[in-house]
PDB file of N, CA and C in Angstrom:
ATOM      1  N   MET A   1       0.795 -14.913  18.165  1.00  0.00           N
ATOM      2  CA  MET A   1       0.836 -14.933  19.611  1.00  0.00           C
ATOM      3  C   MET A   1      -0.068 -13.825  20.150  1.00  0.00           C
ATOM      4  N   PHE A   2      -0.948 -14.192  21.033  1.00  0.00           N
ATOM      5  CA  PHE A   2      -1.885 -13.240  21.605  1.00  0.00           C
ATOM      6  C   PHE A   2      -1.165 -12.323  22.584  1.00  0.00           C
ATOM      7  N   ASP A   3      -1.488 -11.061  22.502  1.00  0.00           N
ATOM      8  CA  ASP A   3      -0.890 -10.053  23.376  1.00  0.00           C
ATOM      9  C   ASP A   3      -2.027  -9.190  23.901  1.00  0.00           C
ATOM     10  N   ASP A   4      -2.239  -9.176  25.204  1.00  0.00           N
ATOM     11  CA  ASP A   4      -3.370  -8.450  25.771  1.00  0.00           C
ATOM     12  C   ASP A   4      -3.039  -7.017  26.176  1.00  0.00           C
ATOM     13  N   ARG A   5      -1.856  -6.519  25.817  1.00  0.00           N
ATOM     14  CA  ARG A   5      -1.475  -5.168  26.256  1.00  0.00           C
ATOM     15  C   ARG A   5      -2.396  -4.085  25.709  1.00  0.00           C
ATOM     16  N   MET A   6      -2.894  -4.229  24.488  1.00  0.00           N
ATOM     17  CA  MET A   6      -3.786  -3.211  23.929  1.00  0.00           C
ATOM     18  C   MET A   6      -5.081  -3.147  24.734  1.00  0.00           C
ATOM     19  N   MET A   7      -5.676  -4.295  25.023  1.00  0.00           N
ATOM     20  CA  MET A   7      -6.909  -4.300  25.814  1.00  0.00           C
ATOM     21  C   MET A   7      -6.664  -3.761  27.217  1.00  0.00           C
ATOM     22  N   THR A   8      -5.539  -4.111  27.802  1.00  0.00           N
ATOM     23  CA  THR A   8      -5.206  -3.603  29.130  1.00  0.00           C
ATOM     24  C   THR A   8      -5.112  -2.085  29.104  1.00  0.00           C
ATOM     25  N   MET A   9      -4.429  -1.548  28.103  1.00  0.00           N
ATOM     26  CA  MET A   9      -4.275  -0.102  27.991  1.00  0.00           C
ATOM     27  C   MET A   9      -5.623   0.575  27.749  1.00  0.00           C
ATOM     28  N   LEU A  10      -6.438   0.034  26.856  1.00  0.00           N
ATOM     29  CA  LEU A  10      -7.743   0.631  26.571  1.00  0.00           C
ATOM     30  C   LEU A  10      -8.645   0.610  27.801  1.00  0.00           C
ATOM     31  N   ASN A  11      -8.587  -0.453  28.577  1.00  0.00           N
ATOM     32  CA  ASN A  11      -9.368  -0.506  29.810  1.00  0.00           C
ATOM     33  C   ASN A  11      -8.877   0.523  30.820  1.00  0.00           C
ATOM     34  N   MET A  12      -7.584   0.766  30.852  1.00  0.00           N
ATOM     35  CA  MET A  12      -7.036   1.801  31.738  1.00  0.00           C
ATOM     36  C   MET A  12      -7.511   3.186  31.291  1.00  0.00           C
ATOM     37  N   VAL A  13      -7.526   3.425  29.984  1.00  0.00           N
ATOM     38  CA  VAL A  13      -8.028   4.699  29.454  1.00  0.00           C
ATOM     39  C   VAL A  13      -9.499   4.859  29.815  1.00  0.00           C
ATOM     40  N   SER A  14     -10.277   3.799  29.677  1.00  0.00           N
ATOM     41  CA  SER A  14     -11.692   3.855  30.018  1.00  0.00           C
ATOM     42  C   SER A  14     -11.883   4.218  31.490  1.00  0.00           C
ATOM     43  N   GLU A  15     -11.047   3.667  32.337  1.00  0.00           N
ATOM     44  CA  GLU A  15     -11.128   3.977  33.772  1.00  0.00           C
ATOM     45  C   GLU A  15     -10.821   5.454  34.025  1.00  0.00           C
ATOM     46  N   LYS A  16      -9.818   5.975  33.337  1.00  0.00           N
ATOM     47  CA  LYS A  16      -9.474   7.404  33.479  1.00  0.00           C
ATOM     48  C   LYS A  16     -10.624   8.286  32.984  1.00  0.00           C
ATOM     49  N   VAL A  17     -11.244   7.901  31.875  1.00  0.00           N
ATOM     50  CA  VAL A  17     -12.395   8.651  31.360  1.00  0.00           C
ATOM     51  C   VAL A  17     -13.521   8.613  32.388  1.00  0.00           C
ATOM     52  N   PHE A  18     -13.741   7.451  32.991  1.00  0.00           N
ATOM     53  CA  PHE A  18     -14.781   7.321  34.001  1.00  0.00           C
ATOM     54  C   PHE A  18     -14.500   8.236  35.194  1.00  0.00           C
ATOM     55  N   GLN A  19     -13.252   8.249  35.640  1.00  0.00           N
ATOM     56  CA  GLN A  19     -12.887   9.083  36.790  1.00  0.00           C
ATOM     57  C   GLN A  19     -13.064  10.572  36.504  1.00  0.00           C
ATOM     58  N   SER A  20     -12.764  10.974  35.283  1.00  0.00           N
ATOM     59  CA  SER A  20     -12.829  12.408  34.968  1.00  0.00           C
ATOM     60  C   SER A  20     -14.153  12.852  34.355  1.00  0.00           C
ATOM     61  N   LYS A  21     -14.834  11.960  33.637  1.00  0.00           N
ATOM     62  CA  LYS A  21     -16.059  12.345  32.916  1.00  0.00           C
ATOM     63  C   LYS A  21     -17.323  11.641  33.405  1.00  0.00           C
ATOM     64  N   GLY A  22     -17.152  10.552  34.152  1.00  0.00           N
ATOM     65  CA  GLY A  22     -18.311   9.868  34.710  1.00  0.00           C
ATOM     66  C   GLY A  22     -18.914   8.783  33.842  1.00  0.00           C
ATOM     67  N   TYR A  23     -18.267   8.425  32.757  1.00  0.00           N
ATOM     68  CA  TYR A  23     -18.767   7.319  31.937  1.00  0.00           C
ATOM     69  C   TYR A  23     -17.594   6.470  31.455  1.00  0.00           C
ATOM     70  N   ARG A  24     -17.899   5.241  31.124  1.00  0.00           N
ATOM     71  CA  ARG A  24     -16.876   4.315  30.627  1.00  0.00           C
ATOM     72  C   ARG A  24     -16.988   4.198  29.113  1.00  0.00           C
ATOM     73  N   LEU A  25     -15.855   3.994  28.476  1.00  0.00           N
ATOM     74  CA  LEU A  25     -15.841   3.732  27.043  1.00  0.00           C
ATOM     75  C   LEU A  25     -16.366   2.318  26.797  1.00  0.00           C
ATOM     76  N   ASP A  26     -17.012   2.112  25.695  1.00  0.00           N
ATOM     77  CA  ASP A  26     -17.530   0.799  25.326  1.00  0.00           C
ATOM     78  C   ASP A  26     -16.426   0.077  24.553  1.00  0.00           C
ATOM     79  N   ILE A  27     -15.670  -0.730  25.270  1.00  0.00           N
ATOM     80  CA  ILE A  27     -14.528  -1.430  24.673  1.00  0.00           C
ATOM     81  C   ILE A  27     -14.882  -2.901  24.531  1.00  0.00           C
ATOM     82  N   ARG A  28     -14.763  -3.380  23.300  1.00  0.00           N
ATOM     83  CA  ARG A  28     -15.087  -4.779  23.008  1.00  0.00           C
ATOM     84  C   ARG A  28     -14.006  -5.370  22.114  1.00  0.00           C
ATOM     85  N   GLU A  29     -13.623  -6.582  22.411  1.00  0.00           N
ATOM     86  CA  GLU A  29     -12.715  -7.296  21.520  1.00  0.00           C
ATOM     87  C   GLU A  29     -13.583  -7.991  20.475  1.00  0.00           C
ATOM     88  N   LEU A  30     -14.043  -7.184  19.542  1.00  0.00           N
ATOM     89  CA  LEU A  30     -15.080  -7.584  18.604  1.00  0.00           C
ATOM     90  C   LEU A  30     -14.585  -8.553  17.535  1.00  0.00           C
ATOM     91  N   VAL A  31     -13.351  -8.359  17.086  1.00  0.00           N
ATOM     92  CA  VAL A  31     -12.797  -9.197  16.016  1.00  0.00           C
ATOM     93  C   VAL A  31     -11.674 -10.048  16.594  1.00  0.00           C
ATOM     94  N   VAL A  32     -11.730 -11.327  16.299  1.00  0.00           N
ATOM     95  CA  VAL A  32     -10.664 -12.236  16.723  1.00  0.00           C
ATOM     96  C   VAL A  32     -10.063 -12.903  15.495  1.00  0.00           C
ATOM     97  N   GLN A  33      -8.786 -13.224  15.599  1.00  0.00           N
ATOM     98  CA  GLN A  33      -8.115 -13.941  14.519  1.00  0.00           C
ATOM     99  C   GLN A  33      -8.206 -15.421  14.832  1.00  0.00           C
ATOM    100  N   MET A  34      -8.718 -16.185  13.884  1.00  0.00           N
ATOM    101  CA  MET A  34      -9.002 -17.599  14.105  1.00  0.00           C
ATOM    102  C   MET A  34      -7.797 -18.519  13.889  1.00  0.00           C
ATOM    103  N   LYS A  35      -6.773 -18.015  13.218  1.00  0.00           N
ATOM    104  CA  LYS A  35      -5.614 -18.849  12.905  1.00  0.00           C
ATOM    105  C   LYS A  35      -4.359 -17.996  13.007  1.00  0.00           C
ATOM    106  N   SER A  36      -3.308 -18.537  13.593  1.00  0.00           N
ATOM    107  CA  SER A  36      -2.047 -17.818  13.707  1.00  0.00           C
ATOM    108  C   SER A  36      -1.367 -17.695  12.351  1.00  0.00           C
ATOM    109  N   THR A  37      -0.685 -16.595  12.167  1.00  0.00           N
ATOM    110  CA  THR A  37       0.093 -16.364  10.955  1.00  0.00           C
ATOM    111  C   THR A  37       1.448 -15.814  11.356  1.00  0.00           C
ATOM    112  N   THR A  38       2.363 -15.821  10.424  1.00  0.00           N
ATOM    113  CA  THR A  38       3.658 -15.212  10.662  1.00  0.00           C
ATOM    114  C   THR A  38       3.472 -13.700  10.763  1.00  0.00           C
ATOM    115  N   ALA A  39       4.122 -13.083  11.730  1.00  0.00           N
ATOM    116  CA  ALA A  39       4.017 -11.639  11.889  1.00  0.00           C
ATOM    117  C   ALA A  39       4.460 -10.954  10.605  1.00  0.00           C
ATOM    118  N   ALA A  40       3.743  -9.903  10.235  1.00  0.00           N
ATOM    119  CA  ALA A  40       4.024  -9.202   8.978  1.00  0.00           C
ATOM    120  C   ALA A  40       5.462  -8.712   8.909  1.00  0.00           C
ATOM    121  N   HIS A  41       6.009  -8.290  10.064  1.00  0.00           N
ATOM    122  CA  HIS A  41       7.383  -7.778  10.058  1.00  0.00           C
ATOM    123  C   HIS A  41       8.428  -8.890   9.950  1.00  0.00           C
ATOM    124  N   ASP A  42       7.987 -10.147  10.024  1.00  0.00           N
ATOM    125  CA  ASP A  42       8.915 -11.283   9.929  1.00  0.00           C
ATOM    126  C   ASP A  42       8.882 -11.978   8.575  1.00  0.00           C
ATOM    127  N   THR A  43       8.155 -11.414   7.616  1.00  0.00           N
ATOM    128  CA  THR A  43       8.055 -12.056   6.310  1.00  0.00           C
ATOM    129  C   THR A  43       7.986 -11.014   5.206  1.00  0.00           C
ATOM    130  N   ASN A  44       8.404 -11.410   4.020  1.00  0.00           N
ATOM    131  CA  ASN A  44       8.286 -10.536   2.855  1.00  0.00           C
ATOM    132  C   ASN A  44       6.971 -10.763   2.117  1.00  0.00           C
ATOM    133  N   MET A  45       6.269 -11.851   2.462  1.00  0.00           N
ATOM    134  CA  MET A  45       5.006 -12.172   1.809  1.00  0.00           C
ATOM    135  C   MET A  45       3.856 -11.719   2.703  1.00  0.00           C
ATOM    136  N   ARG A  46       3.275 -10.589   2.369  1.00  0.00           N
ATOM    137  CA  ARG A  46       2.183 -10.036   3.168  1.00  0.00           C
ATOM    138  C   ARG A  46       0.837 -10.409   2.552  1.00  0.00           C
ATOM    139  N   LEU A  47      -0.090 -10.759   3.431  1.00  0.00           N
ATOM    140  CA  LEU A  47      -1.431 -11.089   2.964  1.00  0.00           C
ATOM    141  C   LEU A  47      -2.190  -9.822   2.600  1.00  0.00           C
ATOM    142  N   LYS A  48      -3.077  -9.937   1.633  1.00  0.00           N
ATOM    143  CA  LYS A  48      -3.939  -8.826   1.237  1.00  0.00           C
ATOM    144  C   LYS A  48      -5.087  -8.732   2.242  1.00  0.00           C
ATOM    145  N   PRO A  49      -5.724  -7.561   2.329  1.00  0.00           N
ATOM    146  CA  PRO A  49      -6.839  -7.424   3.283  1.00  0.00           C
ATOM    147  C   PRO A  49      -7.912  -8.501   3.122  1.00  0.00           C
ATOM    148  N   GLU A  50      -8.237  -8.859   1.890  1.00  0.00           N
ATOM    149  CA  GLU A  50      -9.249  -9.883   1.643  1.00  0.00           C
ATOM    150  C   GLU A  50      -8.822 -11.237   2.204  1.00  0.00           C
ATOM    151  N   GLU A  51      -7.523 -11.537   2.102  1.00  0.00           N
ATOM    152  CA  GLU A  51      -7.002 -12.799   2.632  1.00  0.00           C
ATOM    153  C   GLU A  51      -6.996 -12.785   4.159  1.00  0.00           C
ATOM    154  N   LEU A  52      -6.605 -11.652   4.738  1.00  0.00           N
ATOM    155  CA  LEU A  52      -6.624 -11.527   6.197  1.00  0.00           C
ATOM    156  C   LEU A  52      -8.036 -11.637   6.745  1.00  0.00           C
ATOM    157  N   ALA A  53      -8.988 -11.020   6.051  1.00  0.00           N
ATOM    158  CA  ALA A  53     -10.381 -11.042   6.511  1.00  0.00           C
ATOM    159  C   ALA A  53     -10.891 -12.470   6.660  1.00  0.00           C
ATOM    160  N   GLN A  54     -10.388 -13.381   5.842  1.00  0.00           N
ATOM    161  CA  GLN A  54     -10.808 -14.779   5.940  1.00  0.00           C
ATOM    162  C   GLN A  54     -10.316 -15.430   7.233  1.00  0.00           C
ATOM    163  N   LEU A  55      -9.303 -14.837   7.841  1.00  0.00           N
ATOM    164  CA  LEU A  55      -8.770 -15.364   9.100  1.00  0.00           C
ATOM    165  C   LEU A  55      -9.461 -14.770  10.321  1.00  0.00           C
ATOM    166  N   TYR A  56     -10.274 -13.737  10.109  1.00  0.00           N
ATOM    167  CA  TYR A  56     -10.928 -13.012  11.196  1.00  0.00           C
ATOM    168  C   TYR A  56     -12.370 -13.452  11.371  1.00  0.00           C
ATOM    169  N   ALA A  57     -12.861 -13.290  12.579  1.00  0.00           N
ATOM    170  CA  ALA A  57     -14.276 -13.548  12.866  1.00  0.00           C
ATOM    171  C   ALA A  57     -14.773 -12.502  13.842  1.00  0.00           C
ATOM    172  N   VAL A  58     -15.983 -12.022  13.598  1.00  0.00           N
ATOM    173  CA  VAL A  58     -16.640 -11.111  14.525  1.00  0.00           C
ATOM    174  C   VAL A  58     -17.309 -11.965  15.595  1.00  0.00           C
ATOM    175  N   GLN A  59     -17.077 -11.622  16.843  1.00  0.00           N
ATOM    176  CA  GLN A  59     -17.708 -12.340  17.949  1.00  0.00           C
ATOM    177  C   GLN A  59     -19.162 -11.880  18.041  1.00  0.00           C
ATOM    178  N   GLN A  60     -20.036 -12.686  17.491  1.00  0.00           N
ATOM    179  CA  GLN A  60     -21.448 -12.339  17.373  1.00  0.00           C
ATOM    180  C   GLN A  60     -22.090 -12.014  18.721  1.00  0.00           C
ATOM    181  N   ASN A  61     -21.627 -12.667  19.780  1.00  0.00           N
ATOM    182  CA  ASN A  61     -22.202 -12.431  21.105  1.00  0.00           C
ATOM    183  C   ASN A  61     -21.883 -11.031  21.642  1.00  0.00           C
ATOM    184  N   LEU A  62     -20.967 -10.314  20.998  1.00  0.00           N
ATOM    185  CA  LEU A  62     -20.618  -8.964  21.444  1.00  0.00           C
ATOM    186  C   LEU A  62     -21.306  -7.866  20.633  1.00  0.00           C
ATOM    187  N   LEU A  63     -22.164  -8.247  19.710  1.00  0.00           N
ATOM    188  CA  LEU A  63     -22.822  -7.266  18.849  1.00  0.00           C
ATOM    189  C   LEU A  63     -24.034  -6.594  19.498  1.00  0.00           C
ATOM    190  N   GLU A  64     -24.604  -7.213  20.507  1.00  0.00           N
ATOM    191  CA  GLU A  64     -25.800  -6.636  21.125  1.00  0.00           C
ATOM    192  C   GLU A  64     -25.503  -5.247  21.693  1.00  0.00           C
ATOM    193  N   GLY A  65     -26.317  -4.284  21.301  1.00  0.00           N
ATOM    194  CA  GLY A  65     -26.174  -2.925  21.810  1.00  0.00           C
ATOM    195  C   GLY A  65     -25.037  -2.128  21.207  1.00  0.00           C
ATOM    196  N   ILE A  66     -24.419  -2.646  20.170  1.00  0.00           N
ATOM    197  CA  ILE A  66     -23.276  -1.950  19.579  1.00  0.00           C
ATOM    198  C   ILE A  66     -23.741  -0.693  18.842  1.00  0.00           C
ATOM    199  N   GLN A  67     -22.965   0.354  18.936  1.00  0.00           N
ATOM    200  CA  GLN A  67     -23.259   1.606  18.255  1.00  0.00           C
ATOM    201  C   GLN A  67     -22.755   1.514  16.812  1.00  0.00           C
ATOM    202  N   SER A  68     -23.202   2.436  15.974  1.00  0.00           N
ATOM    203  CA  SER A  68     -22.789   2.401  14.567  1.00  0.00           C
ATOM    204  C   SER A  68     -21.446   3.089  14.332  1.00  0.00           C
ATOM    205  N   ASN A  69     -20.973   3.878  15.300  1.00  0.00           N
ATOM    206  CA  ASN A  69     -19.648   4.497  15.200  1.00  0.00           C
ATOM    207  C   ASN A  69     -18.654   3.625  15.959  1.00  0.00           C
ATOM    208  N   ILE A  70     -17.710   3.052  15.229  1.00  0.00           N
ATOM    209  CA  ILE A  70     -16.775   2.082  15.806  1.00  0.00           C
ATOM    210  C   ILE A  70     -15.351   2.529  15.539  1.00  0.00           C
ATOM    211  N   VAL A  71     -14.523   2.452  16.575  1.00  0.00           N
ATOM    212  CA  VAL A  71     -13.100   2.773  16.452  1.00  0.00           C
ATOM    213  C   VAL A  71     -12.315   1.474  16.585  1.00  0.00           C
ATOM    214  N   ILE A  72     -11.518   1.175  15.577  1.00  0.00           N
ATOM    215  CA  ILE A  72     -10.617   0.026  15.639  1.00  0.00           C
ATOM    216  C   ILE A  72      -9.288   0.542  16.190  1.00  0.00           C
ATOM    217  N   CYS A  73      -8.843  -0.047  17.285  1.00  0.00           N
ATOM    218  CA  CYS A  73      -7.561   0.329  17.885  1.00  0.00           C
ATOM    219  C   CYS A  73      -6.548  -0.763  17.603  1.00  0.00           C
ATOM    220  N   ASP A  74      -5.371  -0.358  17.151  1.00  0.00           N
ATOM    221  CA  ASP A  74      -4.296  -1.314  16.883  1.00  0.00           C
ATOM    222  C   ASP A  74      -2.987  -0.664  17.293  1.00  0.00           C
ATOM    223  N   ASP A  75      -1.947  -1.469  17.385  1.00  0.00           N
ATOM    224  CA  ASP A  75      -0.690  -0.943  17.901  1.00  0.00           C
ATOM    225  C   ASP A  75       0.090  -0.109  16.901  1.00  0.00           C
ATOM    226  N   VAL A  76       0.013  -0.444  15.640  1.00  0.00           N
ATOM    227  CA  VAL A  76       0.793   0.302  14.652  1.00  0.00           C
ATOM    228  C   VAL A  76       0.154   0.143  13.278  1.00  0.00           C
ATOM    229  N   LEU A  77       0.303   1.153  12.462  1.00  0.00           N
ATOM    230  CA  LEU A  77      -0.204   1.099  11.088  1.00  0.00           C
ATOM    231  C   LEU A  77       0.998   1.063  10.157  1.00  0.00           C
ATOM    232  N   THR A  78       1.143  -0.005   9.408  1.00  0.00           N
ATOM    233  CA  THR A  78       2.233  -0.109   8.443  1.00  0.00           C
ATOM    234  C   THR A  78       1.667   0.027   7.043  1.00  0.00           C
ATOM    235  N   THR A  79       0.895  -0.950   6.631  1.00  0.00           N
ATOM    236  CA  THR A  79       0.294  -0.890   5.291  1.00  0.00           C
ATOM    237  C   THR A  79      -1.214  -0.673   5.359  1.00  0.00           C
ATOM    238  N   GLY A  80      -1.820  -0.905   6.510  1.00  0.00           N
ATOM    239  CA  GLY A  80      -3.261  -0.768   6.655  1.00  0.00           C
ATOM    240  C   GLY A  80      -4.035  -2.032   6.340  1.00  0.00           C
ATOM    241  N   CYS A  81      -3.356  -3.117   5.992  1.00  0.00           N
ATOM    242  CA  CYS A  81      -4.041  -4.356   5.607  1.00  0.00           C
ATOM    243  C   CYS A  81      -4.877  -4.944   6.748  1.00  0.00           C
ATOM    244  N   HIS A  82      -4.327  -4.982   7.946  1.00  0.00           N
ATOM    245  CA  HIS A  82      -5.074  -5.552   9.076  1.00  0.00           C
ATOM    246  C   HIS A  82      -6.280  -4.678   9.404  1.00  0.00           C
ATOM    247  N   PHE A  83      -6.101  -3.366   9.357  1.00  0.00           N
ATOM    248  CA  PHE A  83      -7.213  -2.455   9.588  1.00  0.00           C
ATOM    249  C   PHE A  83      -8.301  -2.681   8.550  1.00  0.00           C
ATOM    250  N   ARG A  84      -7.942  -2.726   7.287  1.00  0.00           N
ATOM    251  CA  ARG A  84      -8.928  -2.917   6.216  1.00  0.00           C
ATOM    252  C   ARG A  84      -9.657  -4.256   6.366  1.00  0.00           C
ATOM    253  N   ALA A  85      -8.923  -5.298   6.746  1.00  0.00           N
ATOM    254  CA  ALA A  85      -9.538  -6.611   6.927  1.00  0.00           C
ATOM    255  C   ALA A  85     -10.551  -6.575   8.077  1.00  0.00           C
ATOM    256  N   MET A  86     -10.183  -5.952   9.185  1.00  0.00           N
ATOM    257  CA  MET A  86     -11.118  -5.838  10.308  1.00  0.00           C
ATOM    258  C   MET A  86     -12.320  -4.983   9.932  1.00  0.00           C
ATOM    259  N   GLU A  87     -12.060  -3.900   9.215  1.00  0.00           N
ATOM    260  CA  GLU A  87     -13.135  -3.021   8.761  1.00  0.00           C
ATOM    261  C   GLU A  87     -14.141  -3.804   7.911  1.00  0.00           C
ATOM    262  N   MET A  88     -13.646  -4.620   6.992  1.00  0.00           N
ATOM    263  CA  MET A  88     -14.528  -5.424   6.140  1.00  0.00           C
ATOM    264  C   MET A  88     -15.397  -6.361   6.970  1.00  0.00           C
ATOM    265  N   GLU A  89     -14.776  -7.021   7.938  1.00  0.00           N
ATOM    266  CA  GLU A  89     -15.517  -7.980   8.759  1.00  0.00           C
ATOM    267  C   GLU A  89     -16.572  -7.282   9.613  1.00  0.00           C
ATOM    268  N   ILE A  90     -16.224  -6.153  10.194  1.00  0.00           N
ATOM    269  CA  ILE A  90     -17.188  -5.435  11.036  1.00  0.00           C
ATOM    270  C   ILE A  90     -18.333  -4.892  10.199  1.00  0.00           C
ATOM    271  N   LYS A  91     -18.016  -4.315   9.044  1.00  0.00           N
ATOM    272  CA  LYS A  91     -19.083  -3.774   8.188  1.00  0.00           C
ATOM    273  C   LYS A  91     -20.033  -4.864   7.700  1.00  0.00           C
ATOM    274  N   SER A  92     -19.530  -6.075   7.554  1.00  0.00           N
ATOM    275  CA  SER A  92     -20.418  -7.165   7.144  1.00  0.00           C
ATOM    276  C   SER A  92     -21.326  -7.602   8.297  1.00  0.00           C
ATOM    277  N   ALA A  93     -20.926  -7.313   9.531  1.00  0.00           N
ATOM    278  CA  ALA A  93     -21.714  -7.726  10.700  1.00  0.00           C
ATOM    279  C   ALA A  93     -22.577  -6.600  11.267  1.00  0.00           C
ATOM    280  N   VAL A  94     -22.177  -5.348  11.041  1.00  0.00           N
ATOM    281  CA  VAL A  94     -22.880  -4.192  11.605  1.00  0.00           C
ATOM    282  C   VAL A  94     -23.283  -3.279  10.455  1.00  0.00           C
ATOM    283  N   SER A  95     -24.528  -3.368  10.062  1.00  0.00           N
ATOM    284  CA  SER A  95     -24.964  -2.566   8.915  1.00  0.00           C
ATOM    285  C   SER A  95     -24.917  -1.076   9.252  1.00  0.00           C
ATOM    286  N   GLY A  96     -24.419  -0.313   8.298  1.00  0.00           N
ATOM    287  CA  GLY A  96     -24.343   1.137   8.459  1.00  0.00           C
ATOM    288  C   GLY A  96     -23.237   1.609   9.382  1.00  0.00           C
ATOM    289  N   ALA A  97     -22.297   0.739   9.708  1.00  0.00           N
ATOM    290  CA  ALA A  97     -21.214   1.117  10.623  1.00  0.00           C
ATOM    291  C   ALA A  97     -20.294   2.157   9.991  1.00  0.00           C
ATOM    292  N   THR A  98     -19.921   3.131  10.797  1.00  0.00           N
ATOM    293  CA  THR A  98     -18.885   4.089  10.428  1.00  0.00           C
ATOM    294  C   THR A  98     -17.657   3.700  11.234  1.00  0.00           C
ATOM    295  N   ILE A  99     -16.564   3.423  10.546  1.00  0.00           N
ATOM    296  CA  ILE A  99     -15.388   2.889  11.217  1.00  0.00           C
ATOM    297  C   ILE A  99     -14.189   3.802  10.989  1.00  0.00           C
ATOM    298  N   ILE A 100     -13.483   4.088  12.080  1.00  0.00           N
ATOM    299  CA  ILE A 100     -12.229   4.833  11.986  1.00  0.00           C
ATOM    300  C   ILE A 100     -11.154   4.028  12.706  1.00  0.00           C
ATOM    301  N   GLY A 101      -9.905   4.351  12.435  1.00  0.00           N
ATOM    302  CA  GLY A 101      -8.794   3.652  13.062  1.00  0.00           C
ATOM    303  C   GLY A 101      -8.036   4.559  14.000  1.00  0.00           C
ATOM    304  N   LEU A 102      -7.583   3.995  15.103  1.00  0.00           N
ATOM    305  CA  LEU A 102      -6.719   4.675  16.060  1.00  0.00           C
ATOM    306  C   LEU A 102      -5.503   3.780  16.238  1.00  0.00           C
ATOM    307  N   PHE A 103      -4.345   4.289  15.838  1.00  0.00           N
ATOM    308  CA  PHE A 103      -3.133   3.469  15.845  1.00  0.00           C
ATOM    309  C   PHE A 103      -2.146   4.046  16.837  1.00  0.00           C
ATOM    310  N   LEU A 104      -1.694   3.211  17.750  1.00  0.00           N
ATOM    311  CA  LEU A 104      -0.814   3.624  18.829  1.00  0.00           C
ATOM    312  C   LEU A 104       0.499   2.864  18.716  1.00  0.00           C
ATOM    313  N   ALA A 105       1.583   3.549  18.921  1.00  0.00           N
ATOM    314  CA  ALA A 105       2.890   2.893  18.851  1.00  0.00           C
ATOM    315  C   ALA A 105       3.726   3.335  20.032  1.00  0.00           C
ATOM    316  N   ARG A 106       4.661   2.519  20.394  1.00  0.00           N
ATOM    317  CA  ARG A 106       5.576   2.831  21.479  1.00  0.00           C
ATOM    318  C   ARG A 106       6.988   2.689  20.963  1.00  0.00           C
ATOM    319  N   CYS A 107       7.781   3.677  21.216  1.00  0.00           N
ATOM    320  CA  CYS A 107       9.190   3.639  20.836  1.00  0.00           C
ATOM    321  C   CYS A 107       9.969   3.013  21.981  1.00  0.00           C
ATOM    322  N   THR A 108      10.837   2.077  21.664  1.00  0.00           N
ATOM    323  CA  THR A 108      11.678   1.464  22.695  1.00  0.00           C
ATOM    324  C   THR A 108      13.121   1.883  22.445  1.00  0.00           C
ATOM    325  N   PRO A 109      13.561   2.970  23.086  1.00  0.00           N
ATOM    326  CA  PRO A 109      14.896   3.513  22.831  1.00  0.00           C
ATOM    327  C   PRO A 109      16.030   2.507  22.996  1.00  0.00           C
ATOM    328  N   GLU A 110      15.874   1.537  23.891  1.00  0.00           N
ATOM    329  CA  GLU A 110      16.946   0.563  24.075  1.00  0.00           C
ATOM    330  C   GLU A 110      17.151  -0.292  22.823  1.00  0.00           C
ATOM    331  N   ALA A 111      16.160  -0.319  21.939  1.00  0.00           N
ATOM    332  CA  ALA A 111      16.274  -1.092  20.707  1.00  0.00           C
ATOM    333  C   ALA A 111      16.915  -0.282  19.583  1.00  0.00           C
ATOM    334  N   ILE A 112      17.208   0.981  19.850  1.00  0.00           N
ATOM    335  CA  ILE A 112      17.769   1.861  18.831  1.00  0.00           C
ATOM    336  C   ILE A 112      19.239   2.084  19.130  1.00  0.00           C
ATOM    337  N   ASP A 113      20.060   1.882  18.129  1.00  0.00           N
ATOM    338  CA  ASP A 113      21.487   2.159  18.265  1.00  0.00           C
ATOM    339  C   ASP A 113      21.688   3.622  17.879  1.00  0.00           C
ATOM    340  N   ILE A 114      21.932   4.449  18.865  1.00  0.00           N
ATOM    341  CA  ILE A 114      22.047   5.884  18.654  1.00  0.00           C
ATOM    342  C   ILE A 114      23.186   6.237  17.696  1.00  0.00           C
ATOM    343  N   SER A 115      24.160   5.345  17.561  1.00  0.00           N
ATOM    344  CA  SER A 115      25.272   5.623  16.658  1.00  0.00           C
ATOM    345  C   SER A 115      24.833   5.559  15.196  1.00  0.00           C
ATOM    346  N   ASP A 116      23.621   5.032  14.926  1.00  0.00           N
ATOM    347  CA  ASP A 116      23.103   5.000  13.564  1.00  0.00           C
ATOM    348  C   ASP A 116      22.690   6.383  13.074  1.00  0.00           C
ATOM    349  N   PHE A 117      22.567   7.320  13.995  1.00  0.00           N
ATOM    350  CA  PHE A 117      22.123   8.659  13.638  1.00  0.00           C
ATOM    351  C   PHE A 117      23.322   9.591  13.525  1.00  0.00           C
ATOM    352  N   ASP A 118      23.331  10.374  12.462  1.00  0.00           N
ATOM    353  CA  ASP A 118      24.386  11.346  12.252  1.00  0.00           C
ATOM    354  C   ASP A 118      24.067  12.596  13.057  1.00  0.00           C
ATOM    355  N   SER A 119      25.022  13.163  13.732  1.00  0.00           N
ATOM    356  CA  SER A 119      24.779  14.328  14.585  1.00  0.00           C
ATOM    357  C   SER A 119      24.723  15.629  13.801  1.00  0.00           C
ATOM    358  N   ASP A 120      24.955  15.610  12.495  1.00  0.00           N
ATOM    359  CA  ASP A 120      24.914  16.852  11.683  1.00  0.00           C
ATOM    360  C   ASP A 120      23.531  17.327  11.464  1.00  0.00           C
TER     361      ASP A 120
END
């Protein structure tokens, strides 16, 4: 299921950078997943990075003017498989790319049962 919250947040960050520094971040949805899969947290059978990479495609029309330093932003890092798969796909499309990951997570306290924690 597609979720645009990451792009929305990154665009908001870019706007804040523009307001304070005078330039916008170059944000591109460079890699797309071509086929839906079961969410990793909903299954015990996780795909390997090589298998995930086969489900991804680099949007060739977004490569024009791309810099060689690329940051992959994702919501959470569990095993790193999705990051590695995206990294493989981007490196195959952008020669000499240096890629780093930025992983952001949000805690939802209402989903946590506080009684699960011992007060000692």
